[in-house]
Amino acid sequence: MSKVKLLILDLDGTCHKMGGGPHPNNFEAIKKAHDEYGINVVFATGRANHSKYNEFIKLGDISKGNYFLAAFNGAYIENMSNKTLLEENPIPSNLTKWLWNYINKEDRFSAVSYIHNSRDVISSKDNLLVQRVLHFNNPDFEVHSPYEKEEFPETYKFVVKHFTQVDKEILEEKGFHVQWEPSSDTAEINFQDINKGYVVDYFCKKLDINHSEVLAMGDGSNDVESLKKAGYGICPVNSGPAAKSAANRISNYTDAESCVARTIEELVFNKN
């Protein structure tokens, strides 16, 4: 019998293609684990809940299941099966304003923030970040300028380019959670303590599951906390340095080689 009771799965670069839909075989293995082995499933991602490339419709009918989504790294948590919002953890408006002021003072930054309870974003000068938002989402959102605002709404998360270690220390002292590694110049920023490790804790408590019974998979700096907290923290072989350091095991397979499906087959289906 499998010791795994809960899957916490990253999308980009793990279950899914980077910036795209699911890799072959992954959804099939996830569905089998849920339907035949009673495994609870959480997709934990930095993506928006409404990203068109999530493609959860390919799972088929999940209305009677235990499928959950933790979007924006845990700032938005919903029950996918009955389409109910469970919890939101946005950055408060005063901290959103502070961070945009910090960004605007420095000419080196490019940034985008995802407005709470909206598909709209606030974006600074870098059009590439807006193009990335457009790539992931249907084009039914507005882009607002931070230079035109006196007050700022609550925010699910920031993505900031040209980030440094000094910035990380300043922001963490102010009350943000920063997901960044020195090999990248791009950081994902959430409210304090909101990250994929929080997602592991949340669902272990909600579903009465021990951390030792969790299989977490991810490839990037925003997966570090979930990889550390799970009994099985596994990353694809082509993951970034931060994920490899945090994982208790590195797969022999890349994300494109259906690492997720192969890991589920081994640890849930007990196939060697």
Protein backbone atom coordinates (compact mmCIF):
# COMPACT_ATOMS: atom_id res chain seq x y z
CA MET A 1 0.00 0.00 0.00
CA SER A 2 1.22 3.49 -0.82
CA LYS A 3 2.45 5.66 2.04
CA VAL A 4 1.57 8.76 0.02
CA LYS A 5 -1.80 10.39 0.72
CA LEU A 6 -1.33 13.87 -0.70
CA LEU A 7 0.28 15.22 -3.88
CA ILE A 8 1.54 18.84 -3.96
CA LEU A 9 2.50 19.46 -7.58
CA ASP A 10 4.13 22.46 -9.23
CA LEU A 11 3.05 23.27 -12.79
CA ASP A 12 5.69 25.15 -14.85
CA GLY A 13 8.74 22.96 -15.37
CA THR A 14 7.32 20.05 -13.36
CA CYS A 15 3.82 18.77 -14.17
CA HIS A 16 3.49 21.18 -17.09
CA LYS A 17 5.68 22.51 -19.85
CA MET A 18 7.28 25.82 -18.96
CA GLY A 19 4.66 28.33 -20.02
CA GLY A 20 2.40 25.62 -21.41
CA GLY A 21 0.06 22.72 -20.72
CA PRO A 22 0.65 19.36 -19.02
CA HIS A 23 3.37 17.00 -20.14
CA PRO A 24 2.17 13.67 -21.61
CA ASN A 25 1.05 11.01 -19.11
CA ASN A 26 1.07 13.27 -16.05
CA PHE A 27 -2.67 13.97 -15.82
CA GLU A 28 -3.43 10.31 -16.49
CA ALA A 29 -1.21 9.22 -13.59
CA ILE A 30 -2.63 11.92 -11.30
CA LYS A 31 -6.22 10.92 -12.14
CA LYS A 32 -5.45 7.24 -11.50
CA ALA A 33 -3.78 8.07 -8.18
CA HIS A 34 -6.87 10.01 -7.14
CA ASP A 35 -9.57 7.69 -8.46
CA GLU A 36 -8.04 4.29 -7.70
CA TYR A 37 -5.75 5.00 -4.74
CA GLY A 38 -7.66 7.77 -2.96
CA ILE A 39 -4.83 10.30 -3.20
CA ASN A 40 -5.65 13.97 -2.58
CA VAL A 41 -4.30 16.32 -5.25
CA VAL A 42 -3.11 19.92 -4.90
CA PHE A 43 -1.70 21.89 -7.81
CA ALA A 44 0.58 24.50 -6.21
CA THR A 45 1.74 27.12 -8.68
CA GLY A 46 2.92 30.66 -9.07
CA ARG A 47 0.45 30.99 -11.93
CA ALA A 48 -2.90 32.71 -11.67
CA ASN A 49 -5.94 30.57 -10.95
CA HIS A 50 -7.39 31.62 -14.31
CA SER A 51 -4.33 30.87 -16.47
CA LYS A 52 -5.45 29.36 -19.77
CA TYR A 53 -2.51 26.94 -19.73
CA ASN A 54 -3.54 25.24 -16.49
CA GLU A 55 -5.79 23.09 -18.70
CA PHE A 56 -7.41 21.29 -15.76
CA ILE A 57 -10.36 20.48 -18.01
CA LYS A 58 -8.17 17.67 -19.37
CA LEU A 59 -8.57 15.87 -16.03
CA GLY A 60 -12.17 15.16 -16.99
CA ASP A 61 -14.99 15.21 -14.43
CA ILE A 62 -13.50 16.09 -11.03
CA SER A 63 -16.75 17.31 -9.43
CA LYS A 64 -16.82 14.47 -6.90
CA GLY A 65 -13.11 14.50 -6.17
CA ASN A 66 -10.52 15.98 -3.85
CA TYR A 67 -8.69 18.31 -6.22
CA PHE A 68 -7.39 21.66 -5.03
CA LEU A 69 -5.52 24.63 -6.46
CA ALA A 70 -3.06 26.86 -4.62
CA ALA A 71 -2.39 29.67 -7.10
CA PHE A 72 -0.01 32.62 -6.74
CA ASN A 73 2.18 30.41 -4.49
CA GLY A 74 -0.62 29.97 -1.95
CA ALA A 75 -2.14 33.46 -1.98
CA TYR A 76 -5.30 31.96 -3.54
CA ILE A 77 -6.55 28.51 -2.47
CA GLU A 78 -9.66 26.87 -3.90
CA ASN A 79 -11.44 23.55 -4.03
CA MET A 80 -11.37 22.76 -7.74
CA SER A 81 -13.95 20.00 -7.41
CA ASN A 82 -16.79 22.14 -6.09
CA LYS A 83 -15.34 25.46 -7.30
CA THR A 84 -15.31 27.14 -3.90
CA LEU A 85 -12.75 29.58 -2.57
CA LEU A 86 -11.13 28.28 0.61
CA GLU A 87 -8.68 31.02 1.55
CA GLU A 88 -6.89 34.10 0.24
CA ASN A 89 -3.65 35.58 1.55
CA PRO A 90 -2.92 38.74 -0.45
CA ILE A 91 -0.29 41.35 0.26
CA PRO A 92 -2.08 44.17 2.14
CA SER A 93 -2.61 47.45 0.32
CA ASN A 94 -0.17 49.38 2.54
CA LEU A 95 2.64 46.92 1.75
CA THR A 96 1.67 46.90 -1.92
CA LYS A 97 2.05 50.68 -1.93
CA TRP A 98 5.38 50.46 -0.08
CA LEU A 99 6.81 47.94 -2.54
CA TRP A 100 5.71 49.90 -5.59
CA ASN A 101 7.34 53.00 -4.09
CA TYR A 102 10.51 50.98 -3.54
CA ILE A 103 10.41 49.74 -7.14
CA ASN A 104 9.71 53.20 -8.56
CA LYS A 105 12.63 54.77 -6.68
CA GLU A 106 15.05 52.42 -8.42
CA ASP A 107 15.36 52.76 -12.18
CA ARG A 108 16.82 49.24 -12.46
CA PHE A 109 13.63 47.28 -11.67
CA SER A 110 10.91 45.91 -13.92
CA ALA A 111 7.86 44.60 -12.11
CA VAL A 112 4.29 43.42 -12.36
CA SER A 113 1.76 42.85 -9.56
CA TYR A 114 -1.45 40.82 -9.71
CA ILE A 115 -4.41 42.72 -8.28
CA HIS A 116 -6.51 40.92 -5.66
CA ASN A 117 -9.94 39.77 -6.81
CA SER A 118 -9.25 40.85 -10.38
CA ARG A 119 -7.55 39.74 -13.58
CA ASP A 120 -5.89 43.13 -13.91
CA VAL A 121 -2.24 43.86 -13.22
CA ILE A 122 -0.06 46.83 -12.36
CA SER A 123 3.11 46.96 -14.43
CA SER A 124 6.19 49.14 -14.64
CA LYS A 125 8.21 49.84 -17.76
CA ASP A 126 9.11 46.32 -18.96
CA ASN A 127 6.66 45.29 -21.66
CA LEU A 128 8.05 41.73 -21.62
CA LEU A 129 6.44 41.07 -18.24
CA VAL A 130 3.10 42.28 -19.58
CA GLN A 131 3.56 40.01 -22.59
CA ARG A 132 4.10 37.12 -20.17
CA VAL A 133 0.84 37.94 -18.39
CA LEU A 134 -0.87 38.10 -21.78
CA HIS A 135 0.66 34.74 -22.75
CA PHE A 136 -0.72 32.98 -19.67
CA ASN A 137 -4.12 34.62 -19.51
CA ASN A 138 -6.94 35.30 -21.87
CA PRO A 139 -6.61 38.92 -23.02
CA ASP A 140 -9.44 40.19 -20.85
CA PHE A 141 -7.38 42.17 -18.36
CA GLU A 142 -6.19 45.75 -18.02
CA VAL A 143 -2.67 46.95 -17.32
CA HIS A 144 -2.43 49.81 -14.84
CA SER A 145 0.54 52.11 -14.33
CA PRO A 146 2.00 52.44 -10.81
CA TYR A 147 2.90 56.05 -11.56
CA GLU A 148 -0.75 57.03 -11.83
CA LYS A 149 -1.83 55.66 -8.45
CA GLU A 150 -1.97 57.24 -5.01
CA GLU A 151 -3.54 54.20 -3.37
CA PHE A 152 -2.95 50.57 -4.25
CA PRO A 153 -5.20 47.50 -4.00
CA GLU A 154 -4.30 44.29 -2.22
CA THR A 155 -2.05 42.10 -4.33
CA TYR A 156 -1.71 38.34 -4.83
CA LYS A 157 1.98 38.52 -5.76
CA PHE A 158 4.71 40.56 -7.42
CA VAL A 159 7.17 39.45 -10.08
CA VAL A 160 10.28 41.65 -10.01
CA LYS A 161 13.21 41.55 -12.43
CA HIS A 162 16.79 42.72 -11.74
CA PHE A 163 16.55 41.59 -8.12
CA THR A 164 19.51 41.24 -5.72
CA GLN A 165 20.39 39.74 -2.35
CA VAL A 166 20.24 43.19 -0.76
CA ASP A 167 16.67 43.63 -2.05
CA LYS A 168 15.74 40.25 -0.59
CA GLU A 169 17.00 41.21 2.86
CA ILE A 170 15.20 44.57 2.80
CA LEU A 171 11.88 43.07 1.68
CA GLU A 172 11.94 40.17 4.13
CA GLU A 173 12.57 42.58 7.00
CA LYS A 174 9.60 44.62 5.82
CA GLY A 175 7.22 41.63 5.88
CA PHE A 176 7.35 39.95 2.48
CA HIS A 177 8.18 36.37 1.52
CA VAL A 178 10.73 36.40 -1.31
CA GLN A 179 11.27 33.46 -3.66
CA TRP A 180 14.52 34.04 -5.48
CA GLU A 181 17.91 32.45 -6.06
CA PRO A 182 21.20 34.11 -7.08
CA SER A 183 21.29 32.27 -10.41
CA SER A 184 18.17 34.23 -11.46
CA ASP A 185 17.49 37.96 -11.57
CA THR A 186 13.72 37.46 -11.18
CA ALA A 187 11.93 37.16 -7.83
CA GLU A 188 8.38 36.17 -6.91
CA ILE A 189 7.15 38.05 -3.87
CA ASN A 190 4.22 37.16 -1.62
CA PHE A 191 2.97 38.23 1.78
CA GLN A 192 5.01 37.09 4.77
CA ASP A 193 4.93 33.29 5.33
CA ILE A 194 2.84 32.68 2.19
CA ASN A 195 4.59 30.10 0.06
CA LYS A 196 4.19 26.50 -1.02
CA GLY A 197 5.39 25.29 2.38
CA TYR A 198 2.37 27.06 3.83
CA VAL A 199 0.29 25.14 1.29
CA VAL A 200 1.68 21.83 2.60
CA ASP A 201 0.85 22.83 6.19
CA TYR A 202 -2.62 24.05 5.22
CA PHE A 203 -3.68 20.85 3.50
CA CYS A 204 -2.08 18.52 6.04
CA LYS A 205 -4.20 20.21 8.70
CA LYS A 206 -7.34 20.41 6.56
CA LEU A 207 -7.19 16.78 5.41
CA ASP A 208 -5.65 15.34 8.62
CA ILE A 209 -2.58 14.04 6.79
CA ASN A 210 0.93 13.73 8.22
CA HIS A 211 3.74 15.61 6.48
CA SER A 212 5.49 12.27 6.03
CA GLU A 213 2.61 11.20 3.75
CA VAL A 214 3.07 14.12 1.33
CA LEU A 215 4.74 13.88 -2.08
CA ALA A 216 5.77 17.36 -3.24
CA MET A 217 7.35 17.98 -6.62
CA GLY A 218 8.80 21.19 -8.05
CA ASP A 219 11.73 22.64 -9.93
CA GLY A 220 12.26 26.25 -8.86
CA SER A 221 12.93 28.64 -5.99
CA ASN A 222 9.21 28.95 -5.23
CA ASP A 223 9.11 25.18 -4.60
CA VAL A 224 11.82 25.16 -1.95
CA GLU A 225 9.53 25.34 1.09
CA SER A 226 7.18 22.57 -0.10
CA LEU A 227 10.12 20.31 -0.98
CA LYS A 228 11.55 20.81 2.51
CA LYS A 229 8.28 20.14 4.35
CA ALA A 230 7.08 17.06 2.46
CA GLY A 231 8.04 13.54 3.44
CA TYR A 232 8.86 12.99 -0.22
CA GLY A 233 10.35 16.14 -1.75
CA ILE A 234 11.35 15.28 -5.30
CA CYS A 235 12.48 17.49 -8.17
CA PRO A 236 13.11 16.81 -11.87
CA VAL A 237 16.75 16.27 -12.80
CA ASN A 238 16.75 19.55 -14.78
CA SER A 239 15.60 21.65 -11.81
CA GLY A 240 17.30 24.81 -10.58
CA PRO A 241 19.97 24.80 -7.85
CA ALA A 242 17.61 25.91 -5.06
CA ALA A 243 15.11 23.09 -5.70
CA LYS A 244 17.88 20.51 -5.95
CA SER A 245 19.30 21.63 -2.60
CA ALA A 246 15.88 21.51 -0.91
CA ALA A 247 14.71 18.16 -2.31
CA ASN A 248 15.42 14.94 -0.47
CA ARG A 249 15.64 13.24 -3.83
CA ILE A 250 16.43 14.25 -7.40
CA SER A 251 14.61 12.26 -10.08
CA ASN A 252 16.49 10.60 -12.91
CA TYR A 253 14.02 12.21 -15.32
CA THR A 254 13.34 15.70 -16.62
CA ASP A 255 9.93 17.31 -16.52
CA ALA A 256 9.60 16.66 -20.27
CA GLU A 257 10.21 12.95 -19.64
CA SER A 258 7.03 12.86 -17.51
CA CYS A 259 8.91 12.93 -14.23
CA VAL A 260 5.64 13.45 -12.35
CA ALA A 261 3.95 10.39 -13.86
CA ARG A 262 7.04 8.23 -13.33
CA THR A 263 7.32 9.28 -9.68
CA ILE A 264 3.64 8.57 -9.03
CA GLU A 265 4.01 5.17 -10.67
CA GLU A 266 6.89 4.35 -8.35
CA LEU A 267 5.67 5.75 -5.04
CA VAL A 268 1.88 5.39 -5.38
CA PHE A 269 1.41 2.48 -7.78
CA ASN A 270 4.54 0.71 -6.43
CA LYS A 271 5.94 0.05 -9.88
CA ASN A 272 9.70 -0.45 -9.98
